[in-house]
Amino acid sequence: MQSTLLEPKLTRDRVLSIAEADAVAAYDNLNSFRVEIQLKSDGWHVEYLFRGEGRFHTGGGPTYIIDAETGAILDKKYYQ
Protein backbone atom coordinates (compact mmCIF):
# COMPACT_ATOMS: atom_id res chain seq x y z
CA MET A 1 0.00 0.00 0.00
CA GLN A 2 1.40 3.36 -1.04
CA SER A 3 1.02 6.34 1.27
CA THR A 4 0.18 9.87 0.25
CA LEU A 5 3.13 12.25 0.46
CA LEU A 6 2.41 15.29 2.56
CA GLU A 7 5.83 16.93 2.33
CA PRO A 8 7.99 15.66 -0.52
CA LYS A 9 11.76 15.87 -0.24
CA LEU A 10 12.07 17.49 -3.65
CA THR A 11 10.55 20.88 -4.35
CA ARG A 12 8.36 21.63 -7.32
CA ASP A 13 11.15 23.73 -8.87
CA ARG A 14 13.70 20.92 -8.53
CA VAL A 15 11.31 18.44 -10.14
CA LEU A 16 10.66 20.85 -13.01
CA SER A 17 14.39 21.19 -13.63
CA ILE A 18 14.76 17.39 -13.78
CA ALA A 19 11.90 17.08 -16.27
CA GLU A 20 13.11 20.05 -18.33
CA ALA A 21 16.64 18.66 -18.66
CA ASP A 22 15.27 15.44 -20.13
CA ALA A 23 12.65 17.18 -22.27
CA VAL A 24 15.15 19.59 -23.84
CA ALA A 25 17.36 16.67 -24.82
CA ALA A 26 14.42 15.05 -26.63
CA TYR A 27 12.58 18.12 -28.01
CA ASP A 28 15.28 20.83 -28.31
CA ASN A 29 12.85 23.71 -27.85
CA LEU A 30 10.09 23.80 -25.25
CA ASN A 31 8.71 27.25 -26.10
CA SER A 32 5.56 25.73 -27.68
CA PHE A 33 4.60 24.02 -24.42
CA ARG A 34 3.11 24.96 -21.07
CA VAL A 35 3.84 22.79 -18.06
CA GLU A 36 1.43 21.25 -15.57
CA ILE A 37 2.77 19.63 -12.42
CA GLN A 38 0.94 17.80 -9.66
CA LEU A 39 2.08 15.79 -6.66
CA LYS A 40 0.26 12.45 -6.40
CA SER A 41 0.77 9.39 -4.22
CA ASP A 42 3.11 7.79 -6.79
CA GLY A 43 5.28 10.91 -7.30
CA TRP A 44 5.34 14.19 -9.19
CA HIS A 45 3.40 14.15 -12.47
CA VAL A 46 4.79 16.59 -15.02
CA GLU A 47 3.08 17.13 -18.36
CA TYR A 48 4.10 19.40 -21.22
CA LEU A 49 1.05 20.58 -23.18
CA PHE A 50 0.89 22.62 -26.36
CA ARG A 51 0.17 26.32 -25.79
CA GLY A 52 -2.77 28.00 -27.46
CA GLU A 53 -6.35 27.22 -26.70
CA GLY A 54 -8.82 26.51 -29.45
CA ARG A 55 -6.21 25.38 -31.97
CA PHE A 56 -5.93 21.79 -33.17
CA HIS A 57 -2.55 20.19 -32.59
CA THR A 58 -1.37 16.71 -33.36
CA GLY A 59 1.06 14.98 -31.04
CA GLY A 60 2.05 16.54 -27.76
CA GLY A 61 4.87 16.97 -25.32
CA PRO A 62 6.59 14.67 -22.88
CA THR A 63 4.99 13.42 -19.69
CA TYR A 64 6.84 12.26 -16.58
CA ILE A 65 6.34 10.64 -13.22
CA ILE A 66 9.24 11.61 -10.97
CA ASP A 67 9.96 10.12 -7.56
CA ALA A 68 9.26 12.76 -4.89
CA GLU A 69 12.08 11.54 -2.66
CA THR A 70 14.95 10.72 -5.05
CA GLY A 71 14.19 12.65 -8.25
CA ALA A 72 14.43 9.50 -10.34
CA ILE A 73 12.31 9.50 -13.48
CA LEU A 74 9.96 6.56 -12.86
CA ASP A 75 8.08 6.84 -16.14
CA LYS A 76 8.26 9.03 -19.22
CA LYS A 77 6.47 9.18 -22.54
CA TYR A 78 7.26 11.26 -25.59
CA TYR A 79 4.47 12.34 -27.94
CA GLN A 80 5.62 13.83 -31.23
PDB file of N, CA and C in Angstrom:
ATOM      1  N   MET A   1       0.839  -1.173   0.000  1.00  0.00           N
ATOM      2  CA  MET A   1       0.000   0.000   0.000  1.00  0.00           C
ATOM      3  C   MET A   1       0.887   1.241   0.000  1.00  0.00           C
ATOM      4  N   GLN A   2       0.590   2.156  -0.901  1.00  0.00           N
ATOM      5  CA  GLN A   2       1.396   3.359  -1.036  1.00  0.00           C
ATOM      6  C   GLN A   2       0.755   4.506  -0.264  1.00  0.00           C
ATOM      7  N   SER A   3       1.568   5.238   0.480  1.00  0.00           N
ATOM      8  CA  SER A   3       1.025   6.337   1.267  1.00  0.00           C
ATOM      9  C   SER A   3       1.039   7.633   0.462  1.00  0.00           C
ATOM     10  N   THR A   4       0.215   8.558   0.866  1.00  0.00           N
ATOM     11  CA  THR A   4       0.180   9.873   0.247  1.00  0.00           C
ATOM     12  C   THR A   4       1.297  10.717   0.847  1.00  0.00           C
ATOM     13  N   LEU A   5       2.042  11.401  -0.009  1.00  0.00           N
ATOM     14  CA  LEU A   5       3.127  12.245   0.460  1.00  0.00           C
ATOM     15  C   LEU A   5       2.579  13.603   0.879  1.00  0.00           C
ATOM     16  N   LEU A   6       2.852  13.991   2.101  1.00  0.00           N
ATOM     17  CA  LEU A   6       2.408  15.293   2.561  1.00  0.00           C
ATOM     18  C   LEU A   6       3.478  16.351   2.313  1.00  0.00           C
ATOM     19  N   GLU A   7       4.731  16.007   2.557  1.00  0.00           N
ATOM     20  CA  GLU A   7       5.833  16.926   2.334  1.00  0.00           C
ATOM     21  C   GLU A   7       6.932  16.193   1.580  1.00  0.00           C
ATOM     22  N   PRO A   8       6.967  16.354   0.260  1.00  0.00           N
ATOM     23  CA  PRO A   8       7.990  15.660  -0.523  1.00  0.00           C
ATOM     24  C   PRO A   8       9.378  16.238  -0.250  1.00  0.00           C
ATOM     25  N   LYS A   9      10.394  15.409  -0.412  1.00  0.00           N
ATOM     26  CA  LYS A   9      11.763  15.868  -0.239  1.00  0.00           C
ATOM     27  C   LYS A   9      12.142  16.878  -1.310  1.00  0.00           C
ATOM     28  N   LEU A  10      11.718  16.619  -2.532  1.00  0.00           N
ATOM     29  CA  LEU A  10      12.071  17.493  -3.650  1.00  0.00           C
ATOM     30  C   LEU A  10      11.011  18.567  -3.865  1.00  0.00           C
ATOM     31  N   THR A  11      11.475  19.773  -4.097  1.00  0.00           N
ATOM     32  CA  THR A  11      10.554  20.879  -4.351  1.00  0.00           C
ATOM     33  C   THR A  11      10.017  20.802  -5.776  1.00  0.00           C
ATOM     34  N   ARG A  12       8.960  21.527  -5.990  1.00  0.00           N
ATOM     35  CA  ARG A  12       8.357  21.634  -7.322  1.00  0.00           C
ATOM     36  C   ARG A  12       9.381  22.143  -8.330  1.00  0.00           C
ATOM     37  N   ASP A  13      10.151  23.166  -7.959  1.00  0.00           N
ATOM     38  CA  ASP A  13      11.148  23.732  -8.866  1.00  0.00           C
ATOM     39  C   ASP A  13      12.236  22.726  -9.226  1.00  0.00           C
ATOM     40  N   ARG A  14      12.663  21.940  -8.253  1.00  0.00           N
ATOM     41  CA  ARG A  14      13.697  20.925  -8.528  1.00  0.00           C
ATOM     42  C   ARG A  14      13.159  19.864  -9.483  1.00  0.00           C
ATOM     43  N   VAL A  15      11.934  19.445  -9.274  1.00  0.00           N
ATOM     44  CA  VAL A  15      11.311  18.443 -10.142  1.00  0.00           C
ATOM     45  C   VAL A  15      11.165  18.984 -11.567  1.00  0.00           C
ATOM     46  N   LEU A  16      10.767  20.242 -11.683  1.00  0.00           N
ATOM     47  CA  LEU A  16      10.660  20.852 -13.011  1.00  0.00           C
ATOM     48  C   LEU A  16      12.004  20.893 -13.719  1.00  0.00           C
ATOM     49  N   SER A  17      13.079  21.159 -12.995  1.00  0.00           N
ATOM     50  CA  SER A  17      14.393  21.191 -13.630  1.00  0.00           C
ATOM     51  C   SER A  17      14.825  19.804 -14.095  1.00  0.00           C
ATOM     52  N   ILE A  18      14.453  18.771 -13.364  1.00  0.00           N
ATOM     53  CA  ILE A  18      14.757  17.393 -13.779  1.00  0.00           C
ATOM     54  C   ILE A  18      14.006  17.058 -15.068  1.00  0.00           C
ATOM     55  N   ALA A  19      12.712  17.354 -15.083  1.00  0.00           N
ATOM     56  CA  ALA A  19      11.900  17.075 -16.270  1.00  0.00           C
ATOM     57  C   ALA A  19      12.381  17.901 -17.463  1.00  0.00           C
ATOM     58  N   GLU A  20      12.685  19.171 -17.230  1.00  0.00           N
ATOM     59  CA  GLU A  20      13.111  20.047 -18.325  1.00  0.00           C
ATOM     60  C   GLU A  20      14.423  19.581 -18.943  1.00  0.00           C
ATOM     61  N   ALA A  21      15.363  19.137 -18.131  1.00  0.00           N
ATOM     62  CA  ALA A  21      16.644  18.658 -18.659  1.00  0.00           C
ATOM     63  C   ALA A  21      16.432  17.488 -19.618  1.00  0.00           C
ATOM     64  N   ASP A  22      15.554  16.573 -19.262  1.00  0.00           N
ATOM     65  CA  ASP A  22      15.268  15.439 -20.129  1.00  0.00           C
ATOM     66  C   ASP A  22      14.482  15.878 -21.364  1.00  0.00           C
ATOM     67  N   ALA A  23      13.499  16.745 -21.166  1.00  0.00           N
ATOM     68  CA  ALA A  23      12.647  17.182 -22.271  1.00  0.00           C
ATOM     69  C   ALA A  23      13.426  17.971 -23.315  1.00  0.00           C
ATOM     70  N   VAL A  24      14.337  18.817 -22.889  1.00  0.00           N
ATOM     71  CA  VAL A  24      15.148  19.593 -23.837  1.00  0.00           C
ATOM     72  C   VAL A  24      16.011  18.665 -24.679  1.00  0.00           C
ATOM     73  N   ALA A  25      16.544  17.623 -24.077  1.00  0.00           N
ATOM     74  CA  ALA A  25      17.360  16.667 -24.823  1.00  0.00           C
ATOM     75  C   ALA A  25      16.545  15.974 -25.911  1.00  0.00           C
ATOM     76  N   ALA A  26      15.270  15.758 -25.664  1.00  0.00           N
ATOM     77  CA  ALA A  26      14.415  15.052 -26.630  1.00  0.00           C
ATOM     78  C   ALA A  26      13.732  15.999 -27.621  1.00  0.00           C
ATOM     79  N   TYR A  27      13.403  17.210 -27.195  1.00  0.00           N
ATOM     80  CA  TYR A  27      12.580  18.118 -28.007  1.00  0.00           C
ATOM     81  C   TYR A  27      13.307  19.371 -28.474  1.00  0.00           C
ATOM     82  N   ASP A  28      14.507  19.631 -27.990  1.00  0.00           N
ATOM     83  CA  ASP A  28      15.281  20.835 -28.306  1.00  0.00           C
ATOM     84  C   ASP A  28      14.659  22.105 -27.743  1.00  0.00           C
ATOM     85  N   ASN A  29      13.467  22.446 -28.193  1.00  0.00           N
ATOM     86  CA  ASN A  29      12.849  23.714 -27.851  1.00  0.00           C
ATOM     87  C   ASN A  29      11.505  23.456 -27.180  1.00  0.00           C
ATOM     88  N   LEU A  30      11.325  24.003 -26.003  1.00  0.00           N
ATOM     89  CA  LEU A  30      10.086  23.796 -25.246  1.00  0.00           C
ATOM     90  C   LEU A  30       9.171  25.020 -25.257  1.00  0.00           C
ATOM     91  N   ASN A  31       9.484  26.006 -26.078  1.00  0.00           N
ATOM     92  CA  ASN A  31       8.708  27.248 -26.102  1.00  0.00           C
ATOM     93  C   ASN A  31       7.250  27.045 -26.506  1.00  0.00           C
ATOM     94  N   SER A  32       6.934  25.983 -27.227  1.00  0.00           N
ATOM     95  CA  SER A  32       5.564  25.729 -27.676  1.00  0.00           C
ATOM     96  C   SER A  32       4.710  25.050 -26.604  1.00  0.00           C
ATOM     97  N   PHE A  33       5.294  24.774 -25.446  1.00  0.00           N
ATOM     98  CA  PHE A  33       4.596  24.023 -24.417  1.00  0.00           C
ATOM     99  C   PHE A  33       4.380  24.843 -23.154  1.00  0.00           C
ATOM    100  N   ARG A  34       3.311  24.500 -22.447  1.00  0.00           N
ATOM    101  CA  ARG A  34       3.115  24.957 -21.075  1.00  0.00           C
ATOM    102  C   ARG A  34       3.243  23.721 -20.198  1.00  0.00           C
ATOM    103  N   VAL A  35       3.566  23.909 -18.954  1.00  0.00           N
ATOM    104  CA  VAL A  35       3.837  22.785 -18.061  1.00  0.00           C
ATOM    105  C   VAL A  35       2.781  22.718 -16.970  1.00  0.00           C
ATOM    106  N   GLU A  36       2.306  21.504 -16.723  1.00  0.00           N
ATOM    107  CA  GLU A  36       1.431  21.251 -15.572  1.00  0.00           C
ATOM    108  C   GLU A  36       2.149  20.254 -14.676  1.00  0.00           C
ATOM    109  N   ILE A  37       2.102  20.513 -13.378  1.00  0.00           N
ATOM    110  CA  ILE A  37       2.765  19.626 -12.424  1.00  0.00           C
ATOM    111  C   ILE A  37       1.844  19.401 -11.234  1.00  0.00           C
ATOM    112  N   GLN A  38       1.813  18.151 -10.781  1.00  0.00           N
ATOM    113  CA  GLN A  38       0.941  17.804  -9.663  1.00  0.00           C
ATOM    114  C   GLN A  38       1.598  16.691  -8.862  1.00  0.00           C
ATOM    115  N   LEU A  39       1.567  16.825  -7.543  1.00  0.00           N
ATOM    116  CA  LEU A  39       2.077  15.785  -6.663  1.00  0.00           C
ATOM    117  C   LEU A  39       0.958  14.794  -6.371  1.00  0.00           C
ATOM    118  N   LYS A  40       1.217  13.525  -6.688  1.00  0.00           N
ATOM    119  CA  LYS A  40       0.261  12.448  -6.402  1.00  0.00           C
ATOM    120  C   LYS A  40       0.951  11.408  -5.537  1.00  0.00           C
ATOM    121  N   SER A  41       0.214  10.395  -5.138  1.00  0.00           N
ATOM    122  CA  SER A  41       0.767   9.388  -4.224  1.00  0.00           C
ATOM    123  C   SER A  41       1.929   8.612  -4.820  1.00  0.00           C
ATOM    124  N   ASP A  42       2.010   8.542  -6.156  1.00  0.00           N
ATOM    125  CA  ASP A  42       3.105   7.794  -6.791  1.00  0.00           C
ATOM    126  C   ASP A  42       4.255   8.696  -7.242  1.00  0.00           C
ATOM    127  N   GLY A  43       4.192   9.989  -6.950  1.00  0.00           N
ATOM    128  CA  GLY A  43       5.276  10.909  -7.298  1.00  0.00           C
ATOM    129  C   GLY A  43       4.747  12.154  -7.979  1.00  0.00           C
ATOM    130  N   TRP A  44       5.682  12.969  -8.458  1.00  0.00           N
ATOM    131  CA  TRP A  44       5.339  14.185  -9.190  1.00  0.00           C
ATOM    132  C   TRP A  44       4.969  13.836 -10.618  1.00  0.00           C
ATOM    133  N   HIS A  45       3.834  14.329 -11.082  1.00  0.00           N
ATOM    134  CA  HIS A  45       3.403  14.147 -12.467  1.00  0.00           C
ATOM    135  C   HIS A  45       3.643  15.466 -13.196  1.00  0.00           C
ATOM    136  N   VAL A  46       4.451  15.406 -14.249  1.00  0.00           N
ATOM    137  CA  VAL A  46       4.794  16.593 -15.023  1.00  0.00           C
ATOM    138  C   VAL A  46       4.352  16.345 -16.458  1.00  0.00           C
ATOM    139  N   GLU A  47       3.595  17.286 -16.996  1.00  0.00           N
ATOM    140  CA  GLU A  47       3.080  17.128 -18.361  1.00  0.00           C
ATOM    141  C   GLU A  47       3.306  18.418 -19.139  1.00  0.00           C
ATOM    142  N   TYR A  48       3.900  18.277 -20.312  1.00  0.00           N
ATOM    143  CA  TYR A  48       4.098  19.401 -21.224  1.00  0.00           C
ATOM    144  C   TYR A  48       2.960  19.380 -22.237  1.00  0.00           C
ATOM    145  N   LEU A  49       2.210  20.474 -22.299  1.00  0.00           N
ATOM    146  CA  LEU A  49       1.046  20.582 -23.179  1.00  0.00           C
ATOM    147  C   LEU A  49       1.262  21.722 -24.159  1.00  0.00           C
ATOM    148  N   PHE A  50       0.757  21.553 -25.381  1.00  0.00           N
ATOM    149  CA  PHE A  50       0.886  22.622 -26.359  1.00  0.00           C
ATOM    150  C   PHE A  50       0.179  23.873 -25.867  1.00  0.00           C
ATOM    151  N   ARG A  51       0.790  25.021 -26.119  1.00  0.00           N
ATOM    152  CA  ARG A  51       0.169  26.317 -25.793  1.00  0.00           C
ATOM    153  C   ARG A  51      -0.906  26.614 -26.827  1.00  0.00           C
ATOM    154  N   GLY A  52      -1.776  27.530 -26.507  1.00  0.00           N
ATOM    155  CA  GLY A  52      -2.771  27.999 -27.461  1.00  0.00           C
ATOM    156  C   GLY A  52      -4.061  27.224 -27.368  1.00  0.00           C
ATOM    157  N   GLU A  53      -5.051  27.857 -26.818  1.00  0.00           N
ATOM    158  CA  GLU A  53      -6.354  27.224 -26.700  1.00  0.00           C
ATOM    159  C   GLU A  53      -7.121  27.375 -28.001  1.00  0.00           C
ATOM    160  N   GLY A  54      -7.951  26.414 -28.293  1.00  0.00           N
ATOM    161  CA  GLY A  54      -8.823  26.506 -29.454  1.00  0.00           C
ATOM    162  C   GLY A  54      -8.166  26.131 -30.767  1.00  0.00           C
ATOM    163  N   ARG A  55      -6.884  25.774 -30.735  1.00  0.00           N
ATOM    164  CA  ARG A  55      -6.212  25.375 -31.966  1.00  0.00           C
ATOM    165  C   ARG A  55      -6.005  23.874 -31.932  1.00  0.00           C
ATOM    166  N   PHE A  56      -6.125  23.234 -33.088  1.00  0.00           N
ATOM    167  CA  PHE A  56      -5.930  21.791 -33.175  1.00  0.00           C
ATOM    168  C   PHE A  56      -4.455  21.487 -33.341  1.00  0.00           C
ATOM    169  N   HIS A  57      -3.943  20.620 -32.507  1.00  0.00           N
ATOM    170  CA  HIS A  57      -2.546  20.195 -32.592  1.00  0.00           C
ATOM    171  C   HIS A  57      -2.505  18.675 -32.622  1.00  0.00           C
ATOM    172  N   THR A  58      -1.596  18.145 -33.406  1.00  0.00           N
ATOM    173  CA  THR A  58      -1.367  16.709 -33.360  1.00  0.00           C
ATOM    174  C   THR A  58      -0.139  16.462 -32.505  1.00  0.00           C
ATOM    175  N   GLY A  59      -0.070  15.294 -31.896  1.00  0.00           N
ATOM    176  CA  GLY A  59       1.059  14.979 -31.039  1.00  0.00           C
ATOM    177  C   GLY A  59       0.934  15.692 -29.708  1.00  0.00           C
ATOM    178  N   GLY A  60       2.037  15.868 -29.056  1.00  0.00           N
ATOM    179  CA  GLY A  60       2.054  16.537 -27.761  1.00  0.00           C
ATOM    180  C   GLY A  60       3.447  16.495 -27.194  1.00  0.00           C
ATOM    181  N   GLY A  61       3.568  16.920 -25.965  1.00  0.00           N
ATOM    182  CA  GLY A  61       4.873  16.968 -25.322  1.00  0.00           C
ATOM    183  C   GLY A  61       5.107  15.782 -24.422  1.00  0.00           C
ATOM    184  N   PRO A  62       6.254  15.773 -23.764  1.00  0.00           N
ATOM    185  CA  PRO A  62       6.589  14.665 -22.884  1.00  0.00           C
ATOM    186  C   PRO A  62       5.771  14.700 -21.587  1.00  0.00           C
ATOM    187  N   THR A  63       5.610  13.542 -21.006  1.00  0.00           N
ATOM    188  CA  THR A  63       4.993  13.421 -19.690  1.00  0.00           C
ATOM    189  C   THR A  63       5.913  12.595 -18.803  1.00  0.00           C
ATOM    190  N   TYR A  64       5.923  12.919 -17.529  1.00  0.00           N
ATOM    191  CA  TYR A  64       6.835  12.261 -16.584  1.00  0.00           C
ATOM    192  C   TYR A  64       6.124  11.935 -15.282  1.00  0.00           C
ATOM    193  N   ILE A  65       6.614  10.880 -14.631  1.00  0.00           N
ATOM    194  CA  ILE A  65       6.344  10.637 -13.216  1.00  0.00           C
ATOM    195  C   ILE A  65       7.725  10.590 -12.574  1.00  0.00           C
ATOM    196  N   ILE A  66       7.937  11.476 -11.605  1.00  0.00           N
ATOM    197  CA  ILE A  66       9.242  11.614 -10.967  1.00  0.00           C
ATOM    198  C   ILE A  66       9.103  11.339  -9.478  1.00  0.00           C
ATOM    199  N   ASP A  67       9.984  10.486  -8.971  1.00  0.00           N
ATOM    200  CA  ASP A  67       9.959  10.124  -7.561  1.00  0.00           C
ATOM    201  C   ASP A  67      10.146  11.369  -6.697  1.00  0.00           C
ATOM    202  N   ALA A  68       9.260  11.565  -5.728  1.00  0.00           N
ATOM    203  CA  ALA A  68       9.262  12.764  -4.892  1.00  0.00           C
ATOM    204  C   ALA A  68      10.397  12.776  -3.867  1.00  0.00           C
ATOM    205  N   GLU A  69      10.998  11.628  -3.633  1.00  0.00           N
ATOM    206  CA  GLU A  69      12.083  11.543  -2.660  1.00  0.00           C
ATOM    207  C   GLU A  69      13.461  11.590  -3.316  1.00  0.00           C
ATOM    208  N   THR A  70      13.622  10.869  -4.440  1.00  0.00           N
ATOM    209  CA  THR A  70      14.947  10.719  -5.055  1.00  0.00           C
ATOM    210  C   THR A  70      15.149  11.548  -6.311  1.00  0.00           C
ATOM    211  N   GLY A  71      14.070  11.934  -6.986  1.00  0.00           N
ATOM    212  CA  GLY A  71      14.186  12.655  -8.246  1.00  0.00           C
ATOM    213  C   GLY A  71      14.361  11.745  -9.448  1.00  0.00           C
ATOM    214  N   ALA A  72      14.308  10.442  -9.230  1.00  0.00           N
ATOM    215  CA  ALA A  72      14.432   9.503 -10.343  1.00  0.00           C
ATOM    216  C   ALA A  72      13.198   9.590 -11.237  1.00  0.00           C
ATOM    217  N   ILE A  73      13.421   9.525 -12.547  1.00  0.00           N
ATOM    218  CA  ILE A  73      12.306   9.495 -13.483  1.00  0.00           C
ATOM    219  C   ILE A  73      11.766   8.066 -13.488  1.00  0.00           C
ATOM    220  N   LEU A  74      10.563   7.889 -12.968  1.00  0.00           N
ATOM    221  CA  LEU A  74       9.961   6.563 -12.857  1.00  0.00           C
ATOM    222  C   LEU A  74       9.283   6.143 -14.149  1.00  0.00           C
ATOM    223  N   ASP A  75       8.753   7.122 -14.875  1.00  0.00           N
ATOM    224  CA  ASP A  75       8.085   6.837 -16.139  1.00  0.00           C
ATOM    225  C   ASP A  75       8.141   8.095 -16.996  1.00  0.00           C
ATOM    226  N   LYS A  76       8.314   7.898 -18.300  1.00  0.00           N
ATOM    227  CA  LYS A  76       8.257   9.029 -19.221  1.00  0.00           C
ATOM    228  C   LYS A  76       7.716   8.557 -20.557  1.00  0.00           C
ATOM    229  N   LYS A  77       7.014   9.462 -21.211  1.00  0.00           N
ATOM    230  CA  LYS A  77       6.466   9.182 -22.536  1.00  0.00           C
ATOM    231  C   LYS A  77       6.695  10.419 -23.388  1.00  0.00           C
ATOM    232  N   TYR A  78       7.086  10.178 -24.637  1.00  0.00           N
ATOM    233  CA  TYR A  78       7.264  11.262 -25.589  1.00  0.00           C
ATOM    234  C   TYR A  78       6.170  11.157 -26.636  1.00  0.00           C
ATOM    235  N   TYR A  79       5.513  12.272 -26.904  1.00  0.00           N
ATOM    236  CA  TYR A  79       4.474  12.337 -27.944  1.00  0.00           C
ATOM    237  C   TYR A  79       4.936  13.361 -28.963  1.00  0.00           C
ATOM    238  N   GLN A  80       5.144  12.903 -30.194  1.00  0.00           N
ATOM    239  CA  GLN A  80       5.617  13.828 -31.229  1.00  0.00           C
ATOM    240  C   GLN A  80       4.821  13.645 -32.485  1.00  0.00           C
TER     241      GLN A  80
END
